[in-house]
């Protein structure tokens, strides 16, 4: 999912998915399994570190869509134990965000525009 004001970050995410898909084809007969993890928003200080400022109060409700790092780690370990391969979207929150974005791109763009405006405030 593209993120306003984070073009390079979004591009690397897309590149990782492409790399994982390519490696799955290349390593198909080797016994090596490739899992590309797309966790969505995770409860970390990422925004504060990357932006150098606190998450805006007006966007606090977006935290409803974040997952705890421990939750994501458990899903990844389970996938590894089951010898899964493919793209892994670990939680219902991440799946909801991905599906809602693709089903409602125009509405999502409005939400992202609000996000961009809030993050650009001085």
N, C-alpha and C. Protein backbone atom coordinates (compact mmCIF):
# COMPACT_ATOMS: atom_id res chain seq x y z
N UNK A 1 0.86 -1.17 0.00
CA UNK A 1 0.00 0.00 0.00
C UNK A 1 0.90 1.23 0.00
N UNK A 2 0.68 2.16 -0.91
CA UNK A 2 1.50 3.37 -0.92
C UNK A 2 1.24 4.23 0.32
N UNK A 3 2.26 4.95 0.74
CA UNK A 3 2.14 5.82 1.90
C UNK A 3 2.57 7.22 1.52
N UNK A 4 1.73 8.22 1.74
CA UNK A 4 2.13 9.59 1.43
C UNK A 4 3.34 10.01 2.27
N UNK A 5 4.21 10.76 1.66
CA UNK A 5 5.41 11.28 2.29
C UNK A 5 6.46 10.21 2.59
N UNK A 6 6.22 9.00 2.10
CA UNK A 6 7.15 7.90 2.34
C UNK A 6 7.37 7.11 1.05
N UNK A 7 7.63 7.81 -0.05
CA UNK A 7 7.76 7.15 -1.35
C UNK A 7 8.88 6.11 -1.35
N UNK A 8 10.04 6.47 -0.82
CA UNK A 8 11.17 5.53 -0.81
C UNK A 8 10.84 4.31 0.04
N UNK A 9 10.21 4.53 1.18
CA UNK A 9 9.83 3.42 2.06
C UNK A 9 8.84 2.49 1.34
N UNK A 10 7.82 3.07 0.71
CA UNK A 10 6.83 2.27 -0.01
C UNK A 10 7.49 1.51 -1.16
N UNK A 11 8.42 2.15 -1.85
CA UNK A 11 9.11 1.50 -2.97
C UNK A 11 9.90 0.29 -2.49
N UNK A 12 10.56 0.41 -1.33
CA UNK A 12 11.33 -0.73 -0.83
C UNK A 12 10.41 -1.87 -0.42
N UNK A 13 9.24 -1.53 0.12
CA UNK A 13 8.27 -2.59 0.46
C UNK A 13 7.83 -3.35 -0.79
N UNK A 14 7.53 -2.61 -1.86
CA UNK A 14 7.14 -3.26 -3.12
C UNK A 14 8.30 -4.11 -3.66
N UNK A 15 9.52 -3.61 -3.53
CA UNK A 15 10.69 -4.34 -4.02
C UNK A 15 10.87 -5.65 -3.25
N UNK A 16 10.66 -5.62 -1.96
CA UNK A 16 10.81 -6.82 -1.14
C UNK A 16 9.80 -7.89 -1.55
N UNK A 17 8.57 -7.50 -1.82
CA UNK A 17 7.56 -8.46 -2.27
C UNK A 17 7.98 -9.06 -3.61
N UNK A 18 8.45 -8.22 -4.54
CA UNK A 18 8.92 -8.71 -5.83
C UNK A 18 10.11 -9.65 -5.69
N UNK A 19 11.05 -9.29 -4.82
CA UNK A 19 12.22 -10.13 -4.58
C UNK A 19 11.79 -11.50 -4.04
N UNK A 20 10.88 -11.49 -3.08
CA UNK A 20 10.40 -12.75 -2.51
C UNK A 20 9.73 -13.63 -3.55
N UNK A 21 8.89 -13.03 -4.38
CA UNK A 21 8.21 -13.81 -5.43
C UNK A 21 9.23 -14.41 -6.40
N UNK A 22 10.20 -13.61 -6.81
CA UNK A 22 11.23 -14.09 -7.73
C UNK A 22 12.03 -15.23 -7.11
N UNK A 23 12.42 -15.06 -5.85
CA UNK A 23 13.21 -16.09 -5.18
C UNK A 23 12.43 -17.39 -5.01
N UNK A 24 11.11 -17.28 -4.79
CA UNK A 24 10.30 -18.50 -4.68
C UNK A 24 10.36 -19.31 -5.98
N UNK A 25 10.31 -18.62 -7.12
CA UNK A 25 10.41 -19.32 -8.41
C UNK A 25 11.80 -19.93 -8.59
N UNK A 26 12.83 -19.14 -8.28
CA UNK A 26 14.19 -19.59 -8.50
C UNK A 26 14.59 -20.74 -7.58
N UNK A 27 14.07 -20.76 -6.36
CA UNK A 27 14.46 -21.78 -5.38
C UNK A 27 13.42 -22.88 -5.21
N UNK A 28 12.46 -22.91 -6.09
CA UNK A 28 11.33 -23.84 -5.98
C UNK A 28 11.75 -25.28 -5.73
N UNK A 29 12.74 -25.77 -6.42
CA UNK A 29 13.14 -27.17 -6.31
C UNK A 29 14.30 -27.40 -5.35
N UNK A 30 14.69 -26.38 -4.60
CA UNK A 30 15.86 -26.51 -3.72
C UNK A 30 15.51 -26.92 -2.29
N UNK A 31 14.24 -26.88 -1.95
CA UNK A 31 13.84 -27.17 -0.58
C UNK A 31 13.81 -25.93 0.30
N UNK A 32 14.27 -24.81 -0.23
CA UNK A 32 14.25 -23.55 0.52
C UNK A 32 12.89 -22.89 0.31
N UNK A 33 12.28 -22.46 1.39
CA UNK A 33 10.99 -21.77 1.30
C UNK A 33 11.20 -20.29 1.62
N UNK A 34 10.54 -19.44 0.86
CA UNK A 34 10.64 -18.00 1.05
C UNK A 34 9.29 -17.47 1.51
N UNK A 35 9.29 -16.79 2.64
CA UNK A 35 8.09 -16.14 3.15
C UNK A 35 8.36 -14.65 3.19
N UNK A 36 7.53 -13.89 2.50
CA UNK A 36 7.63 -12.44 2.53
C UNK A 36 6.59 -11.95 3.53
N UNK A 37 7.03 -11.31 4.58
CA UNK A 37 6.13 -10.87 5.64
C UNK A 37 5.72 -9.41 5.40
N UNK A 38 4.41 -9.18 5.35
CA UNK A 38 3.85 -7.83 5.17
C UNK A 38 2.96 -7.54 6.37
N UNK A 39 3.55 -7.10 7.48
CA UNK A 39 2.79 -6.98 8.71
C UNK A 39 1.83 -5.81 8.80
N UNK A 40 1.97 -4.81 7.96
CA UNK A 40 1.14 -3.62 8.15
C UNK A 40 1.66 -2.82 9.33
N UNK A 41 0.85 -1.91 9.86
CA UNK A 41 1.32 -1.06 10.96
C UNK A 41 1.58 -1.87 12.24
N UNK A 42 2.73 -1.63 12.84
CA UNK A 42 3.13 -2.32 14.07
C UNK A 42 3.38 -1.25 15.13
N UNK A 43 3.01 -1.58 16.38
CA UNK A 43 3.16 -0.64 17.50
C UNK A 43 4.63 -0.46 17.83
N UNK A 44 5.25 0.51 17.17
CA UNK A 44 6.64 0.85 17.43
C UNK A 44 6.77 2.37 17.42
N UNK A 45 7.96 2.84 17.63
CA UNK A 45 8.23 4.29 17.57
C UNK A 45 8.64 4.70 16.16
N UNK A 46 8.34 3.88 15.16
CA UNK A 46 8.79 4.11 13.78
C UNK A 46 8.49 5.53 13.31
N UNK A 47 7.25 5.97 13.45
CA UNK A 47 6.88 7.30 12.95
C UNK A 47 7.64 8.39 13.69
N UNK A 48 7.78 8.23 14.99
CA UNK A 48 8.48 9.25 15.76
C UNK A 48 9.95 9.33 15.37
N UNK A 49 10.54 8.18 15.06
CA UNK A 49 11.95 8.16 14.68
C UNK A 49 12.12 8.71 13.27
N UNK A 50 11.31 8.25 12.33
CA UNK A 50 11.46 8.65 10.94
C UNK A 50 11.06 10.12 10.72
N UNK A 51 10.01 10.56 11.42
CA UNK A 51 9.53 11.92 11.23
C UNK A 51 10.15 12.91 12.21
N UNK A 52 10.69 12.40 13.31
CA UNK A 52 11.28 13.28 14.31
C UNK A 52 10.24 14.03 15.12
N UNK A 53 8.99 13.52 15.11
CA UNK A 53 7.95 14.17 15.91
C UNK A 53 6.92 13.14 16.34
N UNK A 54 6.13 13.52 17.30
CA UNK A 54 5.10 12.63 17.84
C UNK A 54 4.00 12.40 16.82
N UNK A 55 3.34 11.26 16.95
CA UNK A 55 2.20 10.94 16.11
C UNK A 55 1.09 11.94 16.41
N UNK A 56 0.52 12.59 15.39
CA UNK A 56 -0.49 13.63 15.63
C UNK A 56 -1.72 13.10 16.37
N UNK A 57 -2.20 13.88 17.33
CA UNK A 57 -3.41 13.51 18.09
C UNK A 57 -4.58 13.22 17.16
N UNK A 58 -4.70 14.00 16.09
CA UNK A 58 -5.83 13.83 15.17
C UNK A 58 -5.82 12.48 14.46
N UNK A 59 -4.69 11.78 14.50
CA UNK A 59 -4.60 10.48 13.83
C UNK A 59 -4.50 9.32 14.81
N UNK A 60 -4.74 9.57 16.09
CA UNK A 60 -4.62 8.52 17.10
C UNK A 60 -5.54 7.32 16.82
N UNK A 61 -6.70 7.58 16.18
CA UNK A 61 -7.61 6.47 15.91
C UNK A 61 -7.01 5.47 14.92
N UNK A 62 -5.97 5.86 14.18
CA UNK A 62 -5.30 4.92 13.28
C UNK A 62 -4.57 3.83 14.05
N UNK A 63 -4.31 4.07 15.33
CA UNK A 63 -3.64 3.05 16.15
C UNK A 63 -4.52 1.82 16.35
N UNK A 64 -5.82 1.93 16.06
CA UNK A 64 -6.70 0.77 16.10
C UNK A 64 -6.25 -0.30 15.11
N UNK A 65 -5.49 0.11 14.11
CA UNK A 65 -5.07 -0.80 13.05
C UNK A 65 -3.63 -1.26 13.21
N UNK A 66 -3.05 -1.05 14.38
CA UNK A 66 -1.68 -1.51 14.60
C UNK A 66 -1.68 -2.83 15.37
N UNK A 67 -0.62 -3.58 15.18
CA UNK A 67 -0.44 -4.84 15.90
C UNK A 67 0.78 -4.75 16.79
N UNK A 68 0.77 -5.51 17.86
CA UNK A 68 1.92 -5.55 18.77
C UNK A 68 3.02 -6.41 18.12
N UNK A 69 4.28 -6.02 18.26
CA UNK A 69 5.37 -6.80 17.66
C UNK A 69 5.35 -8.28 18.05
N UNK A 70 4.98 -8.58 19.28
CA UNK A 70 4.94 -9.96 19.74
C UNK A 70 3.92 -10.78 18.95
N UNK A 71 2.79 -10.15 18.62
CA UNK A 71 1.75 -10.83 17.82
C UNK A 71 2.30 -11.18 16.45
N UNK A 72 2.98 -10.24 15.82
CA UNK A 72 3.55 -10.47 14.50
C UNK A 72 4.61 -11.57 14.57
N UNK A 73 5.46 -11.53 15.58
CA UNK A 73 6.52 -12.54 15.73
C UNK A 73 5.94 -13.94 15.87
N UNK A 74 4.87 -14.09 16.63
CA UNK A 74 4.24 -15.41 16.81
C UNK A 74 3.73 -15.96 15.48
N UNK A 75 3.11 -15.12 14.68
CA UNK A 75 2.59 -15.56 13.39
C UNK A 75 3.73 -15.97 12.46
N UNK A 76 4.83 -15.22 12.48
CA UNK A 76 5.98 -15.55 11.64
C UNK A 76 6.58 -16.89 12.07
N UNK A 77 6.73 -17.10 13.37
CA UNK A 77 7.28 -18.36 13.85
C UNK A 77 6.38 -19.54 13.49
N UNK A 78 5.08 -19.34 13.58
CA UNK A 78 4.14 -20.39 13.21
C UNK A 78 4.26 -20.72 11.72
N UNK A 79 4.37 -19.70 10.88
CA UNK A 79 4.53 -19.91 9.44
C UNK A 79 5.81 -20.69 9.15
N UNK A 80 6.89 -20.35 9.86
CA UNK A 80 8.16 -21.06 9.66
C UNK A 80 8.04 -22.51 10.09
N UNK A 81 7.38 -22.76 11.21
CA UNK A 81 7.20 -24.13 11.70
C UNK A 81 6.35 -24.97 10.74
N UNK A 82 5.41 -24.32 10.07
CA UNK A 82 4.54 -25.02 9.11
C UNK A 82 5.18 -25.11 7.73
N UNK A 83 6.39 -24.57 7.60
CA UNK A 83 7.12 -24.57 6.33
C UNK A 83 6.32 -23.92 5.21
N UNK A 84 5.67 -22.81 5.54
CA UNK A 84 4.89 -22.07 4.55
C UNK A 84 5.80 -21.29 3.62
N UNK A 85 5.26 -20.96 2.47
CA UNK A 85 5.95 -20.03 1.58
C UNK A 85 4.90 -19.12 0.99
N UNK A 86 5.32 -18.00 0.46
CA UNK A 86 4.39 -17.04 -0.12
C UNK A 86 4.45 -15.72 0.63
N UNK A 87 3.43 -14.91 0.41
CA UNK A 87 3.34 -13.62 1.08
C UNK A 87 2.48 -13.81 2.32
N UNK A 88 2.98 -13.37 3.45
CA UNK A 88 2.28 -13.54 4.72
C UNK A 88 1.81 -12.19 5.23
N UNK A 89 0.50 -12.04 5.35
CA UNK A 89 -0.09 -10.87 5.98
C UNK A 89 -0.64 -11.37 7.31
N UNK A 90 0.07 -11.10 8.41
CA UNK A 90 -0.16 -11.80 9.67
C UNK A 90 -1.46 -11.56 10.42
N UNK A 91 -2.09 -10.43 10.29
CA UNK A 91 -3.23 -10.20 11.17
C UNK A 91 -4.46 -9.73 10.41
N UNK A 92 -5.60 -9.84 11.07
CA UNK A 92 -6.84 -9.38 10.45
C UNK A 92 -6.77 -7.88 10.19
N UNK A 93 -6.06 -7.15 11.05
CA UNK A 93 -5.95 -5.70 10.86
C UNK A 93 -5.22 -5.38 9.55
N UNK A 94 -4.10 -6.06 9.34
CA UNK A 94 -3.33 -5.83 8.12
C UNK A 94 -4.13 -6.24 6.88
N UNK A 95 -4.81 -7.37 6.98
CA UNK A 95 -5.64 -7.84 5.85
C UNK A 95 -6.76 -6.85 5.57
N UNK A 96 -7.38 -6.34 6.63
CA UNK A 96 -8.45 -5.36 6.47
C UNK A 96 -7.93 -4.11 5.76
N UNK A 97 -6.79 -3.60 6.20
CA UNK A 97 -6.23 -2.41 5.58
C UNK A 97 -5.90 -2.64 4.11
N UNK A 98 -5.30 -3.79 3.81
CA UNK A 98 -4.94 -4.08 2.42
C UNK A 98 -6.18 -4.20 1.54
N UNK A 99 -7.15 -4.99 1.98
CA UNK A 99 -8.37 -5.17 1.18
C UNK A 99 -9.16 -3.87 1.06
N UNK A 100 -9.27 -3.14 2.16
CA UNK A 100 -10.05 -1.90 2.09
C UNK A 100 -9.38 -0.88 1.18
N UNK A 101 -8.05 -0.89 1.17
CA UNK A 101 -7.36 0.03 0.26
C UNK A 101 -7.69 -0.31 -1.19
N UNK A 102 -7.54 -1.56 -1.56
CA UNK A 102 -7.74 -1.93 -2.97
C UNK A 102 -9.20 -1.83 -3.38
N UNK A 103 -10.13 -2.05 -2.46
CA UNK A 103 -11.55 -1.96 -2.80
C UNK A 103 -12.05 -0.53 -2.83
N UNK A 104 -11.37 0.34 -2.11
CA UNK A 104 -11.84 1.71 -1.99
C UNK A 104 -10.71 2.71 -2.21
N UNK A 105 -9.98 2.55 -3.28
CA UNK A 105 -8.83 3.41 -3.54
C UNK A 105 -9.16 4.90 -3.43
N UNK A 106 -10.26 5.38 -4.03
CA UNK A 106 -10.53 6.83 -3.92
C UNK A 106 -10.70 7.30 -2.47
N UNK A 107 -11.42 6.52 -1.66
CA UNK A 107 -11.62 6.89 -0.25
C UNK A 107 -10.29 6.80 0.49
N UNK A 108 -9.54 5.74 0.23
CA UNK A 108 -8.23 5.59 0.87
C UNK A 108 -7.33 6.76 0.54
N UNK A 109 -7.39 7.23 -0.69
CA UNK A 109 -6.56 8.37 -1.07
C UNK A 109 -6.92 9.61 -0.26
N UNK A 110 -8.21 9.80 0.03
CA UNK A 110 -8.62 10.94 0.86
C UNK A 110 -8.06 10.80 2.27
N UNK A 111 -8.09 9.59 2.82
CA UNK A 111 -7.54 9.35 4.16
C UNK A 111 -6.04 9.63 4.15
N UNK A 112 -5.36 9.14 3.14
CA UNK A 112 -3.92 9.37 3.04
C UNK A 112 -3.59 10.84 2.86
N UNK A 113 -4.44 11.56 2.14
CA UNK A 113 -4.21 12.99 1.99
C UNK A 113 -4.32 13.70 3.33
N UNK A 114 -5.30 13.29 4.15
CA UNK A 114 -5.43 13.87 5.48
C UNK A 114 -4.18 13.55 6.31
N UNK A 115 -3.73 12.33 6.22
CA UNK A 115 -2.53 11.90 6.92
C UNK A 115 -1.35 12.78 6.51
N UNK A 116 -1.18 12.97 5.21
CA UNK A 116 -0.07 13.77 4.69
C UNK A 116 -0.15 15.19 5.20
N UNK A 117 -1.36 15.79 5.18
CA UNK A 117 -1.52 17.16 5.67
C UNK A 117 -1.14 17.26 7.13
N UNK A 118 -1.60 16.30 7.94
CA UNK A 118 -1.31 16.33 9.37
C UNK A 118 0.19 16.16 9.64
N UNK A 119 0.83 15.28 8.91
CA UNK A 119 2.25 15.01 9.14
C UNK A 119 3.13 16.17 8.65
N UNK A 120 2.63 16.96 7.72
CA UNK A 120 3.41 18.08 7.18
C UNK A 120 3.27 19.35 8.02
N UNK A 121 2.32 19.37 8.96
CA UNK A 121 2.17 20.55 9.82
C UNK A 121 3.43 20.76 10.63
N UNK A 122 3.79 21.97 10.78
CA UNK A 122 5.01 22.31 11.54
C UNK A 122 4.70 22.41 13.01
